[in-house]
Amino acid sequence: MLFPSTTLLVVSTFLIGSSDAMNVIVMQPDDLEYFNAWTPPPNVRSVTVEFPSVGLPNIERLRKDGLQMMNAYTASPKCGTSRYSTITGKYPSRSRSSQRIASRENAYVSRVTIPTTKMQNQDCSTDNLAATFQRNNFATAMLGKWHLSRFNNNQYTYSNAVATVQNCGFDVVDGLYIENLAANENEFNNYSDGTFSHNMEWITYEAVKFINDQASKSKDFFMYFNPTVPHGSNDIEMALTQFNCTDTANGSLDFEPIVPGMMGTHTTCESYRKSIFERAESADDYGPIWLDDGVGGLIKALEDNNILDDTLFLFQIDHGMTTKGALYEGGNKIPQFIHYPSKIVGGSTSNALVSTIDIAPTIYDFAGITLDYDLDGISWKGVIENANNEEDFFKNERCLFFEMEQDRAVRCGCWKYLKINDITSSSTTITRGNQFGLSNLEHNAFDLCDGIDEYIADDGNNREAIAANLYEDSNRFTSALKQQFEDAMTCHLERTTHDAINQFASCGPQM
């Protein structure tokens, strides 16, 4: 062990059952808050985020009856860049689009942004979850927000957008939002012409239809479900009151999409949407309640088809909201729950250091799929099978990297090292650091455990406001430790630069 350790506790986490059937749902709602009950990282705001008074019973069912990863991270704290890492298992700096731009500009460090991180070439055709499951005879579907393809505004039609996403390995694409909705009703673009807004009933209806279709054929499936809710690009209250559930990106439906398990006893969209307001205490509750109802619709469809136990349902937010777009814990640390009753004991927790890049290899491992392309992520299935099997690696030896714009960060054990490559005002990490009083020197090191070998999640103890001096020895942050971090970061940058060839080995203590 080279890096200082962080305590890892695995509680009743192991695999059970022997069923060969398997379905997969990966769900990433857009811009959902990190609620206090999910143990967020130190919060730089003055208030924490509580559940609506009616709770989030369906999402909580996934958490409480499944496995909660207590140290889960997104590889990049923006919606599109996070989604790229989830579906490919690679760091977003490896995206072909980002590396082409870096090559053209002769830039050593690729710029990781939503416009530069798109799925092109092998990322789309072969090297992603959907394409891999499709090759292995799973039915595949994508519902909701995509955000991962380049698209010419002047050539946009809904059918063209569907065909573009299908090319990345999806048999079925519907309920599709190719990009974000515009910020308000006066800014609608060609993707959102003002005739529709957020529509959880529509995308959930299409998801349930897909589940029912595959269950009727006894066919295993992979579904990527990305609600636009509660993203602020269109006010949720406006979406609920000024639009109907028949108003969609694919035109006006000639029926109301009524979803069992989502809408309770309501038989019309109008009465159902009214119930959201009746259950909410403030406007902040509208999106989470609407989203949670959608999860209820998916769960009921799985139960009705007797496939809930054999479905790996992974739920996570795409990034933190406190320092969204910046490489602090409030942007990169995320809640992540895995509900898989036939394989994972409910009520399990793990402090293993995991990332969105690990989702693809872990799911492949559960599905028994042999990898046929290179990944940055590592399967954590072995930790679940035997807590002692890979525990030391995941808590003491593994390093996770985080990317945004041209800035980078890495966490190894208790320590986090931040390297700001772009020291201009265009760096979101610098801007957010200034906004929230966080340390944003060109080089930073943070002790996330505050010397006690356990991650500090206390709101009053934000470790990223306190930087260790990288150039002076101290009792804990020694010159040897400093060198390990600098070597790890150099390794990561070298292996993800645009001219690096097939360099996917992990960077860290075992470089």
Protein backbone atom coordinates (compact mmCIF):
# COMPACT_ATOMS: atom_id res chain seq x y z
CA MET A 1 0.00 0.00 0.00
CA LEU A 2 1.51 3.31 -1.06
CA PHE A 3 -1.28 5.81 -0.48
CA PRO A 4 -2.77 6.40 2.99
CA SER A 5 -5.74 4.11 3.44
CA THR A 6 -9.38 4.93 3.92
CA THR A 7 -11.58 2.65 5.96
CA LEU A 8 -13.74 0.38 3.85
CA LEU A 9 -16.76 -1.28 5.38
CA VAL A 10 -18.80 -3.80 3.44
CA VAL A 11 -22.04 -4.72 5.19
CA SER A 12 -23.83 -7.92 4.11
CA THR A 13 -22.72 -7.43 0.54
CA PHE A 14 -22.42 -10.63 -1.45
CA LEU A 15 -23.91 -12.39 -4.43
CA ILE A 16 -26.77 -14.83 -4.15
CA GLY A 17 -28.81 -16.96 -6.52
CA SER A 18 -27.92 -18.73 -9.72
CA SER A 19 -30.41 -17.50 -12.32
CA ASP A 20 -28.99 -17.13 -15.82
CA ALA A 21 -31.64 -14.61 -16.89
CA MET A 22 -30.54 -10.99 -16.79
CA ASN A 23 -31.94 -7.62 -17.73
CA VAL A 24 -30.19 -4.30 -17.20
CA ILE A 25 -31.53 -0.79 -16.63
CA VAL A 26 -29.08 2.08 -16.25
CA MET A 27 -30.83 5.27 -15.17
CA GLN A 28 -29.35 8.78 -14.95
CA PRO A 29 -31.83 11.56 -14.20
CA ASP A 30 -30.62 14.98 -15.25
CA ASP A 31 -29.38 17.38 -12.55
CA LEU A 32 -31.01 15.63 -9.59
CA GLU A 33 -29.80 16.89 -6.23
CA TYR A 34 -27.72 14.78 -3.85
CA PHE A 35 -30.24 14.38 -1.01
CA ASN A 36 -29.05 14.47 2.56
CA ALA A 37 -30.31 10.93 3.30
CA TRP A 38 -27.85 9.61 0.71
CA THR A 39 -24.84 10.97 2.65
CA PRO A 40 -23.49 13.59 0.26
CA PRO A 41 -19.94 14.96 0.44
CA PRO A 42 -19.30 18.09 2.52
CA ASN A 43 -21.78 20.64 1.30
CA VAL A 44 -20.51 24.16 0.73
CA ARG A 45 -24.03 25.56 0.81
CA SER A 46 -25.67 26.64 4.06
CA VAL A 47 -28.53 24.14 3.76
CA THR A 48 -28.77 20.47 2.93
CA VAL A 49 -31.28 19.00 0.51
CA GLU A 50 -34.10 17.03 2.08
CA PHE A 51 -36.62 14.68 0.48
CA PRO A 52 -40.12 15.98 -0.24
CA SER A 53 -42.34 15.34 2.78
CA VAL A 54 -44.00 12.46 0.86
CA GLY A 55 -40.57 10.96 0.36
CA LEU A 56 -39.12 9.29 -2.73
CA PRO A 57 -40.43 5.77 -2.03
CA ASN A 58 -39.54 4.18 -5.34
CA ILE A 59 -35.98 5.46 -5.59
CA GLU A 60 -35.55 4.62 -1.91
CA ARG A 61 -36.71 1.09 -2.64
CA LEU A 62 -33.84 0.73 -5.10
CA ARG A 63 -31.41 2.00 -2.47
CA LYS A 64 -32.70 0.21 0.62
CA ASP A 65 -33.38 -3.11 -1.14
CA GLY A 66 -30.15 -2.95 -3.10
CA LEU A 67 -26.49 -1.97 -2.83
CA GLN A 68 -25.50 1.63 -2.09
CA MET A 69 -22.02 2.65 -3.22
CA MET A 70 -20.88 5.18 -0.63
CA ASN A 71 -17.80 6.34 -2.58
CA ALA A 72 -19.12 6.56 -6.13
CA TYR A 73 -17.89 9.24 -8.53
CA THR A 74 -18.56 10.48 -12.00
CA ALA A 75 -15.47 10.72 -14.19
CA SER A 76 -16.57 14.21 -15.25
CA PRO A 77 -19.05 16.61 -13.60
CA LYS A 78 -21.25 17.60 -16.55
CA CYS A 79 -24.22 15.71 -17.96
CA GLY A 80 -22.83 14.82 -21.41
CA THR A 81 -19.29 14.07 -20.26
CA SER A 82 -20.59 11.95 -17.38
CA ARG A 83 -22.88 10.00 -19.72
CA TYR A 84 -19.98 9.30 -22.07
CA SER A 85 -18.03 7.65 -19.24
CA THR A 86 -21.08 5.65 -18.13
CA ILE A 87 -21.92 4.14 -21.48
CA THR A 88 -18.36 3.55 -22.75
CA GLY A 89 -16.40 2.72 -19.58
CA LYS A 90 -13.75 5.22 -20.69
CA TYR A 91 -12.54 8.59 -19.50
CA PRO A 92 -14.16 11.36 -21.59
CA SER A 93 -10.73 12.64 -22.66
CA ARG A 94 -10.55 9.47 -24.77
CA SER A 95 -13.57 10.43 -26.88
CA ARG A 96 -12.64 10.51 -30.54
CA SER A 97 -14.19 13.95 -30.96
CA SER A 98 -12.17 15.43 -28.09
CA GLN A 99 -8.93 13.89 -29.28
CA ARG A 100 -9.42 15.08 -32.86
CA ILE A 101 -9.74 18.64 -31.61
CA ALA A 102 -6.67 18.22 -29.37
CA SER A 103 -4.69 16.84 -32.32
CA ARG A 104 -5.75 19.70 -34.56
CA GLU A 105 -4.80 22.25 -31.89
CA ASN A 106 -1.63 20.33 -30.94
CA ALA A 107 -2.89 20.30 -27.34
CA TYR A 108 -1.29 17.85 -24.91
CA VAL A 109 -4.32 17.91 -22.58
CA SER A 110 -7.66 17.29 -24.30
CA ARG A 111 -10.47 19.70 -23.54
CA VAL A 112 -13.33 17.77 -21.93
CA THR A 113 -16.61 19.61 -22.45
CA ILE A 114 -20.09 18.62 -23.63
CA PRO A 115 -19.52 19.89 -27.21
CA THR A 116 -16.16 18.11 -27.49
CA THR A 117 -17.28 14.80 -25.94
CA LYS A 118 -19.42 12.97 -28.46
CA MET A 119 -19.69 9.32 -29.45
CA GLN A 120 -18.06 8.88 -32.84
CA ASN A 121 -16.38 6.03 -34.71
CA GLN A 122 -15.80 2.97 -32.48
CA ASP A 123 -17.27 4.73 -29.43
CA CYS A 124 -20.61 4.61 -31.22
CA SER A 125 -20.37 1.54 -33.44
CA THR A 126 -18.82 -1.04 -31.09
CA ASP A 127 -17.24 0.25 -27.87
CA ASN A 128 -20.21 0.92 -25.59
CA LEU A 129 -22.76 -0.85 -23.44
CA ALA A 130 -25.58 -0.89 -25.99
CA ALA A 131 -23.50 -2.11 -28.93
CA THR A 132 -21.90 -4.79 -26.77
CA PHE A 133 -25.22 -6.06 -25.44
CA GLN A 134 -26.63 -5.99 -28.96
CA ARG A 135 -23.74 -8.17 -30.15
CA ASN A 136 -24.55 -10.57 -27.33
CA ASN A 137 -28.20 -11.01 -28.33
CA PHE A 138 -29.78 -8.63 -25.81
CA ALA A 139 -32.56 -6.29 -26.93
CA THR A 140 -31.41 -2.69 -26.42
CA ALA A 141 -33.27 0.56 -25.91
CA MET A 142 -32.57 4.21 -25.15
CA LEU A 143 -35.23 6.50 -23.66
CA GLY A 144 -34.90 10.17 -22.71
CA LYS A 145 -31.98 12.57 -23.03
CA TRP A 146 -29.02 11.54 -25.21
CA HIS A 147 -26.59 14.48 -25.50
CA LEU A 148 -23.82 12.34 -27.07
CA SER A 149 -24.04 12.89 -30.84
CA ARG A 150 -23.12 15.75 -33.10
CA PHE A 151 -26.18 16.97 -34.96
CA ASN A 152 -26.68 19.66 -37.57
CA ASN A 153 -29.45 21.99 -36.42
CA ASN A 154 -30.67 22.50 -39.95
CA GLN A 155 -31.05 18.78 -40.53
CA TYR A 156 -32.89 17.95 -37.33
CA THR A 157 -36.02 15.88 -37.44
CA TYR A 158 -37.14 13.51 -34.74
CA SER A 159 -36.74 10.51 -37.04
CA ASN A 160 -33.20 11.59 -38.00
CA ALA A 161 -32.32 11.96 -34.34
CA VAL A 162 -33.69 8.48 -33.58
CA ALA A 163 -31.67 6.96 -36.42
CA THR A 164 -28.50 8.68 -35.19
CA VAL A 165 -28.84 7.20 -31.70
CA GLN A 166 -29.81 3.77 -33.05
CA ASN A 167 -26.46 3.66 -34.85
CA CYS A 168 -24.80 3.48 -31.42
CA GLY A 169 -26.24 0.04 -30.72
CA PHE A 170 -29.88 0.58 -29.82
CA ASP A 171 -32.69 -1.47 -31.32
CA VAL A 172 -35.35 0.85 -29.93
CA VAL A 173 -35.04 4.61 -29.40
CA ASP A 174 -38.05 6.64 -28.31
CA GLY A 175 -39.08 9.33 -25.90
CA LEU A 176 -35.94 10.97 -27.27
CA TYR A 177 -34.48 14.36 -26.40
CA ILE A 178 -31.38 14.60 -28.57
CA GLU A 179 -30.04 17.53 -26.52
CA ASN A 180 -31.14 19.75 -23.62
CA LEU A 181 -34.35 21.64 -23.86
CA ALA A 182 -33.78 25.39 -24.17
CA ALA A 183 -33.66 27.46 -21.00
CA ASN A 184 -37.02 29.21 -21.40
CA GLU A 185 -39.96 29.52 -23.76
CA ASN A 186 -38.33 32.39 -25.66
CA GLU A 187 -35.20 30.38 -26.49
CA PHE A 188 -36.53 27.25 -28.16
CA ASN A 189 -34.14 25.90 -30.76
CA ASN A 190 -34.57 23.44 -33.61
CA TYR A 191 -34.52 20.51 -31.20
CA SER A 192 -37.29 22.04 -29.08
CA ASP A 193 -39.72 24.14 -31.07
CA GLY A 194 -42.00 25.18 -28.22
CA THR A 195 -44.62 22.46 -28.72
CA PHE A 196 -43.28 20.20 -25.92
CA SER A 197 -41.29 20.21 -22.71
CA HIS A 198 -40.33 17.69 -20.01
CA ASN A 199 -42.66 14.69 -20.25
CA MET A 200 -42.03 11.90 -17.73
CA GLU A 201 -45.26 10.11 -18.66
CA TRP A 202 -44.20 9.79 -22.29
CA ILE A 203 -40.69 8.46 -21.75
CA THR A 204 -41.84 6.13 -18.95
CA TYR A 205 -44.69 4.83 -21.10
CA GLU A 206 -42.24 4.00 -23.90
CA ALA A 207 -39.86 2.34 -21.41
CA VAL A 208 -42.67 0.20 -19.98
CA LYS A 209 -43.76 -0.74 -23.49
CA PHE A 210 -40.22 -1.93 -24.23
CA ILE A 211 -40.08 -3.96 -21.01
CA ASN A 212 -43.43 -5.59 -21.75
CA ASP A 213 -42.45 -6.39 -25.35
CA GLN A 214 -39.20 -8.08 -24.36
CA ALA A 215 -40.80 -9.98 -21.47
CA SER A 216 -43.44 -11.35 -23.83
CA LYS A 217 -40.61 -12.76 -25.97
CA SER A 218 -38.61 -13.98 -22.93
CA LYS A 219 -35.73 -11.89 -24.26
CA ASP A 220 -33.12 -10.31 -22.01
CA PHE A 221 -32.65 -6.58 -22.48
CA PHE A 222 -30.46 -3.56 -21.78
CA MET A 223 -32.22 -0.22 -21.33
CA TYR A 224 -30.58 3.19 -20.94
CA PHE A 225 -33.18 5.46 -19.29
CA ASN A 226 -32.32 9.15 -18.97
CA PRO A 227 -35.14 11.44 -17.81
CA THR A 228 -34.73 15.13 -18.59
CA VAL A 229 -36.30 15.87 -15.21
CA PRO A 230 -35.44 17.84 -13.10
CA HIS A 231 -33.00 19.78 -15.34
CA GLY A 232 -33.71 23.50 -15.33
CA SER A 233 -33.86 23.81 -19.12
CA ASN A 234 -37.60 24.44 -19.03
CA ASP A 235 -39.25 25.08 -15.72
CA ILE A 236 -40.83 21.94 -14.26
CA GLU A 237 -43.93 23.82 -13.12
CA MET A 238 -44.36 25.22 -16.62
CA ALA A 239 -43.97 21.74 -18.10
CA LEU A 240 -46.64 20.37 -15.76
CA THR A 241 -49.14 23.18 -16.27
CA GLN A 242 -48.65 24.55 -19.78
CA PHE A 243 -48.11 21.27 -21.59
CA ASN A 244 -49.93 17.94 -21.64
CA CYS A 245 -48.46 14.45 -21.61
CA THR A 246 -49.56 14.15 -25.26
CA ASP A 247 -47.12 16.96 -26.20
CA THR A 248 -43.91 15.21 -27.25
CA ALA A 249 -40.76 15.70 -29.29
CA ASN A 250 -42.34 13.25 -31.75
CA GLY A 251 -45.44 15.36 -32.25
CA SER A 252 -48.80 15.22 -30.54
CA LEU A 253 -49.93 11.78 -29.41
CA ASP A 254 -53.46 10.65 -30.24
CA PHE A 255 -53.75 9.02 -26.79
CA GLU A 256 -52.74 9.81 -23.23
CA PRO A 257 -49.82 7.67 -22.05
CA ILE A 258 -51.26 6.28 -18.82
CA VAL A 259 -48.60 4.38 -16.87
CA PRO A 260 -49.58 1.87 -14.15
CA GLY A 261 -47.41 2.18 -11.05
CA MET A 262 -46.58 5.75 -11.93
CA MET A 263 -49.93 7.50 -11.90
CA GLY A 264 -51.70 5.72 -9.05
CA THR A 265 -55.47 5.61 -9.52
CA HIS A 266 -55.48 8.56 -11.90
CA THR A 267 -56.90 7.88 -15.34
CA THR A 268 -56.03 11.20 -16.97
CA CYS A 269 -52.80 13.14 -17.21
CA GLU A 270 -54.50 16.24 -15.92
CA SER A 271 -55.60 14.65 -12.65
CA TYR A 272 -52.25 12.90 -12.23
CA ARG A 273 -50.24 16.06 -12.74
CA LYS A 274 -52.50 17.88 -10.29
CA SER A 275 -51.56 15.25 -7.72
CA ILE A 276 -47.89 16.22 -8.00
CA PHE A 277 -48.74 19.73 -6.81
CA GLU A 278 -50.91 18.30 -4.03
CA ARG A 279 -48.01 16.18 -2.77
CA ALA A 280 -45.37 18.89 -3.04
CA GLU A 281 -44.52 21.47 -0.41
CA SER A 282 -42.52 23.70 -2.74
CA ALA A 283 -41.54 24.01 -6.40
CA ASP A 284 -38.30 22.15 -5.59
CA ASP A 285 -40.39 19.01 -4.98
CA TYR A 286 -42.09 18.86 -8.37
CA GLY A 287 -39.21 17.30 -10.32
CA PRO A 288 -38.15 14.70 -7.73
CA ILE A 289 -41.76 13.54 -7.17
CA TRP A 290 -42.39 13.28 -10.92
CA LEU A 291 -39.13 11.38 -11.34
CA ASP A 292 -39.83 9.02 -8.45
CA ASP A 293 -43.27 8.23 -9.88
CA GLY A 294 -41.55 7.23 -13.14
CA VAL A 295 -39.30 4.82 -11.27
CA GLY A 296 -42.46 3.35 -9.76
CA GLY A 297 -43.78 2.71 -13.27
CA LEU A 298 -40.64 0.82 -14.24
CA ILE A 299 -40.67 -1.27 -11.06
CA LYS A 300 -44.31 -2.24 -11.54
CA ALA A 301 -43.65 -3.31 -15.15
CA LEU A 302 -40.79 -5.49 -13.98
CA GLU A 303 -42.93 -6.97 -11.19
CA ASP A 304 -45.91 -7.59 -13.47
CA ASN A 305 -43.64 -9.52 -15.83
CA ASN A 306 -41.97 -11.44 -12.97
CA ILE A 307 -38.52 -10.16 -13.95
CA LEU A 308 -37.75 -7.67 -11.18
CA ASP A 309 -35.48 -10.11 -9.34
CA ASP A 310 -33.46 -10.82 -12.48
CA THR A 311 -33.03 -7.16 -13.44
CA LEU A 312 -29.91 -5.21 -12.51
CA PHE A 313 -31.32 -1.70 -12.00
CA LEU A 314 -28.55 0.88 -11.54
CA PHE A 315 -29.66 4.35 -10.47
CA GLN A 316 -27.31 7.33 -10.20
CA ILE A 317 -27.28 11.07 -10.72
CA ASP A 318 -25.11 12.32 -13.57
CA HIS A 319 -23.04 14.66 -11.37
CA GLY A 320 -23.18 16.67 -8.19
CA MET A 321 -24.99 19.99 -8.27
CA THR A 322 -23.14 22.01 -5.62
CA THR A 323 -20.01 22.53 -7.72
CA LYS A 324 -21.38 21.25 -11.03
CA GLY A 325 -18.77 21.51 -13.77
CA ALA A 326 -15.86 21.72 -11.29
CA LEU A 327 -13.53 19.01 -10.01
CA TYR A 328 -14.46 19.29 -6.35
CA GLU A 329 -16.35 16.62 -4.39
CA GLY A 330 -19.58 18.59 -4.82
CA GLY A 331 -19.36 18.06 -8.57
CA ASN A 332 -17.84 14.60 -8.87
CA LYS A 333 -19.20 12.55 -5.96
CA ILE A 334 -22.56 10.93 -6.76
CA PRO A 335 -25.14 8.61 -5.19
CA GLN A 336 -25.25 5.22 -6.91
CA PHE A 337 -27.63 2.35 -6.10
CA ILE A 338 -27.71 -1.14 -7.63
CA HIS A 339 -30.92 -3.14 -7.18
CA TYR A 340 -30.54 -6.78 -8.25
CA PRO A 341 -32.53 -9.06 -5.90
CA SER A 342 -31.47 -12.40 -7.41
CA LYS A 343 -27.77 -11.54 -7.04
CA ILE A 344 -27.22 -8.80 -4.44
CA VAL A 345 -28.49 -8.85 -0.87
CA GLY A 346 -30.69 -5.86 -0.07
CA GLY A 347 -29.49 -3.30 2.44
CA SER A 348 -25.87 -3.64 1.34
CA THR A 349 -23.35 -0.82 1.36
CA SER A 350 -19.80 -0.51 0.13
CA ASN A 351 -17.16 2.17 0.52
CA ALA A 352 -15.16 0.87 -2.44
CA LEU A 353 -13.81 3.71 -4.56
CA VAL A 354 -15.76 3.38 -7.82
CA SER A 355 -16.50 5.51 -10.86
CA THR A 356 -18.90 5.76 -13.76
CA ILE A 357 -16.12 4.20 -15.86
CA ASP A 358 -16.65 1.01 -13.82
CA ILE A 359 -20.30 0.57 -14.75
CA ALA A 360 -19.70 -1.05 -18.14
CA PRO A 361 -17.05 -3.59 -17.03
CA THR A 362 -19.04 -4.49 -13.91
CA ILE A 363 -22.25 -5.09 -15.84
CA TYR A 364 -20.36 -7.11 -18.47
CA ASP A 365 -18.94 -9.18 -15.60
CA PHE A 366 -22.40 -9.88 -14.18
CA ALA A 367 -23.66 -10.78 -17.66
CA GLY A 368 -20.73 -13.09 -18.38
CA ILE A 369 -19.73 -11.06 -21.43
CA THR A 370 -16.09 -11.24 -22.49
CA LEU A 371 -14.62 -7.81 -23.13
CA ASP A 372 -13.60 -7.21 -26.73
CA TYR A 373 -12.47 -3.59 -26.46
CA ASP A 374 -10.29 -1.57 -24.09
CA LEU A 375 -11.78 0.10 -21.02
CA ASP A 376 -10.50 2.39 -18.30
CA GLY A 377 -12.95 1.01 -15.75
CA ILE A 378 -12.65 -2.07 -13.56
CA SER A 379 -15.37 -4.49 -12.50
CA TRP A 380 -16.17 -4.41 -8.78
CA LYS A 381 -18.19 -7.65 -8.94
CA GLY A 382 -15.33 -9.45 -7.17
CA VAL A 383 -15.72 -7.16 -4.15
CA ILE A 384 -19.39 -8.13 -3.93
CA GLU A 385 -18.61 -11.84 -4.28
CA ASN A 386 -15.99 -11.75 -1.55
CA ALA A 387 -15.46 -8.58 0.42
CA ASN A 388 -11.86 -9.52 1.18
CA ASN A 389 -11.02 -10.54 -2.38
CA GLU A 390 -10.25 -7.13 -3.86
CA GLU A 391 -10.91 -4.89 -0.86
CA ASP A 392 -7.34 -3.71 -0.41
CA PHE A 393 -7.02 -2.67 -4.04
CA PHE A 394 -10.28 -0.73 -4.11
CA LYS A 395 -9.69 1.11 -0.85
CA ASN A 396 -5.92 1.58 -0.71
CA GLU A 397 -4.28 1.17 -4.08
CA ARG A 398 -6.72 2.35 -6.69
CA CYS A 399 -6.66 5.89 -8.08
CA LEU A 400 -9.65 7.52 -9.78
CA PHE A 401 -9.22 10.44 -12.16
CA PHE A 402 -11.64 13.27 -12.86
CA GLU A 403 -11.69 15.47 -15.96
CA MET A 404 -13.28 18.79 -16.85
CA GLU A 405 -12.13 21.17 -19.54
CA GLN A 406 -8.31 21.01 -19.37
CA ASP A 407 -8.23 20.54 -15.60
CA ARG A 408 -7.72 17.17 -13.92
CA ALA A 409 -7.99 15.66 -10.42
CA VAL A 410 -7.23 12.29 -8.87
CA ARG A 411 -8.30 10.57 -5.67
CA CYS A 412 -6.18 7.78 -4.14
CA GLY A 413 -7.22 6.54 -0.72
CA CYS A 414 -7.79 9.50 1.58
CA TRP A 415 -6.00 12.01 -0.60
CA LYS A 416 -7.17 14.04 -3.56
CA TYR A 417 -4.86 15.97 -5.86
CA LEU A 418 -6.15 18.75 -8.12
CA LYS A 419 -4.12 19.97 -11.09
CA ILE A 420 -5.45 23.07 -12.82
CA ASN A 421 -4.00 23.17 -16.31
CA ASP A 422 -6.16 26.10 -17.41
CA ILE A 423 -5.43 28.95 -15.00
CA THR A 424 -7.64 31.41 -16.92
CA SER A 425 -11.13 32.51 -15.96
CA SER A 426 -12.53 29.98 -18.46
CA SER A 427 -11.79 27.21 -15.96
CA THR A 428 -15.04 26.27 -14.23
CA THR A 429 -13.04 24.73 -11.40
CA ILE A 430 -11.37 28.08 -10.71
CA THR A 431 -14.67 29.95 -11.02
CA ARG A 432 -16.52 27.58 -8.66
CA GLY A 433 -13.60 27.52 -6.27
CA ASN A 434 -13.69 31.31 -6.02
CA GLN A 435 -17.46 31.27 -5.64
CA PHE A 436 -17.47 28.83 -2.72
CA GLY A 437 -14.19 29.67 -1.00
CA LEU A 438 -12.45 26.46 -2.05
CA SER A 439 -8.72 26.17 -2.59
CA ASN A 440 -7.90 26.48 -6.28
CA LEU A 441 -4.18 26.95 -6.60
CA GLU A 442 -2.57 25.53 -9.72
CA HIS A 443 -1.65 22.46 -7.64
CA ASN A 444 -3.71 21.32 -4.65
CA ALA A 445 -3.79 18.34 -2.33
CA PHE A 446 -6.67 17.65 0.03
CA ASP A 447 -6.87 15.20 2.91
CA LEU A 448 -10.47 14.02 2.56
CA CYS A 449 -10.20 12.01 5.78
CA ASP A 450 -8.72 14.77 7.94
CA GLY A 451 -6.13 12.43 9.40
CA ILE A 452 -8.57 9.81 10.73
CA ASP A 453 -8.59 7.37 7.77
CA GLU A 454 -12.32 7.83 7.17
CA TYR A 455 -13.97 10.06 4.57
CA ILE A 456 -15.37 13.25 6.11
CA ALA A 457 -18.95 13.93 4.99
CA ASP A 458 -19.79 16.46 7.68
CA ASP A 459 -21.20 19.70 6.27
CA GLY A 460 -19.09 21.70 8.69
CA ASN A 461 -15.80 20.10 7.66
CA ASN A 462 -15.19 20.83 4.01
CA ARG A 463 -11.68 19.53 3.40
CA GLU A 464 -11.38 21.15 -0.04
CA ALA A 465 -11.24 24.56 1.54
CA ILE A 466 -7.90 23.53 3.05
CA ALA A 467 -5.00 22.66 0.77
CA ALA A 468 -1.83 20.86 1.79
CA ASN A 469 1.34 22.53 0.58
CA LEU A 470 2.68 20.43 -2.26
CA TYR A 471 6.20 21.80 -2.03
CA GLU A 472 6.95 21.47 1.67
CA ASP A 473 7.17 18.26 3.64
CA SER A 474 4.70 17.78 6.46
CA ASN A 475 3.89 15.02 8.88
CA ARG A 476 1.31 13.53 6.52
CA PHE A 477 1.76 14.98 3.04
CA THR A 478 5.37 14.02 2.54
CA SER A 479 7.59 14.65 -0.44
CA ALA A 480 7.29 10.96 -1.34
CA LEU A 481 3.49 11.16 -1.36
CA LYS A 482 3.63 14.34 -3.40
CA GLN A 483 5.79 12.57 -5.97
CA GLN A 484 3.38 9.65 -6.17
CA PHE A 485 0.53 12.01 -7.04
CA GLU A 486 2.55 13.90 -9.59
CA ASP A 487 3.63 10.61 -11.18
CA ALA A 488 0.05 9.32 -11.22
CA MET A 489 -1.21 12.49 -12.89
CA THR A 490 1.61 12.46 -15.45
CA CYS A 491 0.78 8.83 -16.21
CA HIS A 492 -2.91 9.64 -16.74
CA LEU A 493 -2.18 12.58 -19.01
CA GLU A 494 0.30 10.56 -21.06
CA ARG A 495 -2.14 7.68 -21.50
CA THR A 496 -5.08 9.85 -22.53
CA THR A 497 -3.33 12.29 -24.85
CA HIS A 498 -4.52 12.20 -28.46
CA ASP A 499 -1.44 10.35 -29.75
CA ALA A 500 -1.35 7.66 -27.03
CA ILE A 501 -1.81 4.22 -28.59
CA ASN A 502 -3.68 1.50 -26.66
CA GLN A 503 -2.50 2.67 -23.25
CA PHE A 504 -5.33 1.64 -20.94
CA ALA A 505 -3.45 0.22 -17.95
CA SER A 506 -4.35 1.83 -14.62
CA CYS A 507 -2.34 4.78 -13.38
CA GLY A 508 -1.50 4.84 -9.70
CA PRO A 509 0.74 2.99 -7.24
CA GLN A 510 1.22 0.06 -9.59
CA MET A 511 2.03 2.18 -12.65
